[in-house]
Protein backbone atom coordinates (compact mmCIF):
# COMPACT_ATOMS: atom_id res chain seq x y z
CA MET A 1 -17.68 -48.31 -49.45
CA PRO A 2 -21.10 -46.67 -49.00
CA ILE A 3 -22.67 -45.02 -52.00
CA GLU A 4 -24.09 -41.53 -52.24
CA MET A 5 -27.45 -40.66 -53.69
CA ASP A 6 -29.61 -37.57 -53.56
CA PRO A 7 -32.88 -37.85 -51.62
CA GLU A 8 -35.05 -37.52 -54.73
CA ARG A 9 -33.37 -40.48 -56.44
CA PHE A 10 -33.64 -42.55 -53.25
CA ASP A 11 -37.36 -41.71 -52.98
CA ALA A 12 -37.73 -42.90 -56.58
CA LEU A 13 -36.19 -46.25 -55.61
CA VAL A 14 -38.75 -46.61 -52.80
CA ASP A 15 -41.54 -45.75 -55.27
CA GLN A 16 -40.13 -48.32 -57.69
CA ALA A 17 -40.15 -50.97 -54.92
CA LEU A 18 -43.76 -50.12 -54.08
CA ASP A 19 -44.73 -50.29 -57.76
CA GLY A 20 -43.18 -53.77 -57.89
CA ILE A 21 -45.63 -55.19 -55.37
CA PRO A 22 -48.19 -57.36 -57.16
CA ASP A 23 -51.57 -55.64 -57.57
CA GLU A 24 -53.33 -58.51 -55.80
CA LEU A 25 -51.24 -57.85 -52.70
CA ALA A 26 -51.12 -54.07 -52.96
CA SER A 27 -54.92 -53.92 -53.09
CA LEU A 28 -55.03 -55.51 -49.62
CA VAL A 29 -52.80 -52.88 -48.01
CA ARG A 30 -55.11 -50.59 -46.04
CA ASN A 31 -54.48 -47.19 -44.47
CA VAL A 32 -50.66 -47.29 -44.68
CA VAL A 33 -48.26 -44.47 -45.48
CA VAL A 34 -44.65 -45.08 -46.53
CA LEU A 35 -42.16 -42.48 -45.35
CA VAL A 36 -38.44 -42.08 -46.03
CA GLU A 37 -36.35 -40.79 -43.14
CA ASP A 38 -32.61 -40.13 -43.12
CA GLU A 39 -31.91 -42.12 -39.95
CA PRO A 40 -33.72 -44.42 -37.51
CA PRO A 41 -35.25 -42.80 -34.43
CA GLU A 42 -33.26 -42.42 -31.25
CA GLY A 43 -33.26 -45.64 -29.28
CA GLU A 44 -33.34 -47.84 -32.39
CA PRO A 45 -30.25 -49.55 -33.85
CA ASP A 46 -28.20 -47.28 -36.12
CA ASP A 47 -28.27 -49.94 -38.85
CA LEU A 48 -32.06 -50.35 -38.88
CA LEU A 49 -33.21 -50.31 -42.52
CA GLY A 50 -36.98 -50.07 -42.06
CA LEU A 51 -39.69 -50.00 -39.44
CA TYR A 52 -43.39 -50.85 -39.40
CA ASP A 53 -45.37 -48.72 -36.94
CA GLY A 54 -48.94 -49.92 -36.71
CA ILE A 55 -51.25 -52.77 -35.92
CA ALA A 56 -50.98 -55.75 -38.25
CA LEU A 57 -54.16 -56.74 -40.07
CA THR A 58 -54.07 -60.08 -38.24
CA GLU A 59 -54.21 -58.30 -34.87
CA ARG A 60 -57.03 -55.88 -35.60
CA ASP A 61 -60.51 -56.31 -34.21
CA TRP A 62 -63.88 -55.23 -35.56
CA THR A 63 -63.64 -51.79 -33.87
CA MET A 64 -60.73 -50.89 -36.14
CA SER A 65 -62.44 -51.65 -39.42
CA GLY A 66 -64.63 -48.55 -39.57
CA GLY A 67 -61.90 -46.06 -40.43
CA GLY A 68 -61.13 -42.90 -38.52
CA HIS A 69 -57.77 -44.28 -37.38
CA LEU A 70 -54.43 -42.75 -38.17
CA PRO A 71 -52.64 -44.72 -40.88
CA ASP A 72 -50.03 -47.31 -40.09
CA ARG A 73 -46.59 -46.08 -41.03
CA ILE A 74 -43.73 -47.78 -42.81
CA PHE A 75 -40.40 -46.04 -42.49
CA VAL A 76 -37.48 -46.65 -44.84
CA PHE A 77 -34.17 -45.32 -43.50
CA ARG A 78 -31.99 -43.81 -46.19
CA GLY A 79 -28.70 -43.51 -44.26
CA PRO A 80 -28.33 -47.13 -43.15
CA LEU A 81 -29.33 -48.42 -46.58
CA LEU A 82 -26.77 -46.19 -48.31
CA ASP A 83 -24.13 -47.20 -45.73
CA MET A 84 -24.60 -50.93 -46.29
CA CYS A 85 -24.61 -50.90 -50.10
CA GLY A 86 -21.63 -50.66 -52.38
CA SER A 87 -23.47 -50.11 -55.66
CA GLU A 88 -26.74 -48.73 -56.93
CA GLU A 89 -27.78 -52.22 -58.07
CA GLU A 90 -27.28 -53.53 -54.53
CA LEU A 91 -29.21 -50.54 -53.13
CA VAL A 92 -32.15 -51.16 -55.48
CA GLU A 93 -32.37 -54.75 -54.21
CA GLU A 94 -32.00 -53.81 -50.52
CA VAL A 95 -34.68 -51.11 -50.80
CA ARG A 96 -36.99 -53.66 -52.45
CA ILE A 97 -36.35 -56.20 -49.70
CA THR A 98 -36.87 -53.58 -46.99
CA VAL A 99 -40.17 -52.39 -48.46
CA VAL A 100 -41.48 -55.94 -48.86
CA HIS A 101 -40.31 -56.80 -45.34
CA GLU A 102 -42.18 -53.89 -43.75
CA ILE A 103 -45.35 -54.47 -45.80
CA ALA A 104 -45.24 -58.10 -44.69
CA HIS A 105 -45.39 -56.89 -41.08
CA HIS A 106 -48.62 -55.07 -42.02
CA PHE A 107 -50.00 -58.52 -42.90
CA GLY A 108 -48.81 -60.00 -39.62
CA ILE A 109 -45.79 -61.90 -40.94
CA ASP A 110 -43.06 -61.99 -38.28
CA ASP A 111 -39.29 -61.66 -38.66
CA ASP A 112 -38.64 -65.40 -38.31
CA ARG A 113 -40.92 -66.21 -41.25
CA LEU A 114 -39.48 -63.33 -43.30
CA HIS A 115 -36.00 -64.69 -42.65
CA GLU A 116 -37.13 -68.11 -43.93
CA LEU A 117 -38.48 -66.41 -47.07
CA GLY A 118 -35.26 -64.41 -47.64
CA TYR A 119 -36.68 -61.01 -46.64
CA ALA A 120 -34.84 -60.46 -43.36
């Protein structure tokens, strides 16, 4: 049975997941904003947990290093995460996995490799 949680508490779980990223890795994340949305955008699967919208660091060229570009965006979708979890403990873990998964895309790590690592 899905759990219920107010948006502020859910946002705090996302913040907690971001705080759990090692400093060495977090310092390499550049020009990225993390946003919480209630549901995935139209045209995406209803059970999508997160989405990376940007250009991975491994795919950028020298013209993109000077700044002046809109930030990459990581979306975390509250509704599907609440729907799939039966307890707050499970939700904390799924939010953590989702955040790590989407940040990994920022570094150019694909879904196959994330699956191998247990972050799919």
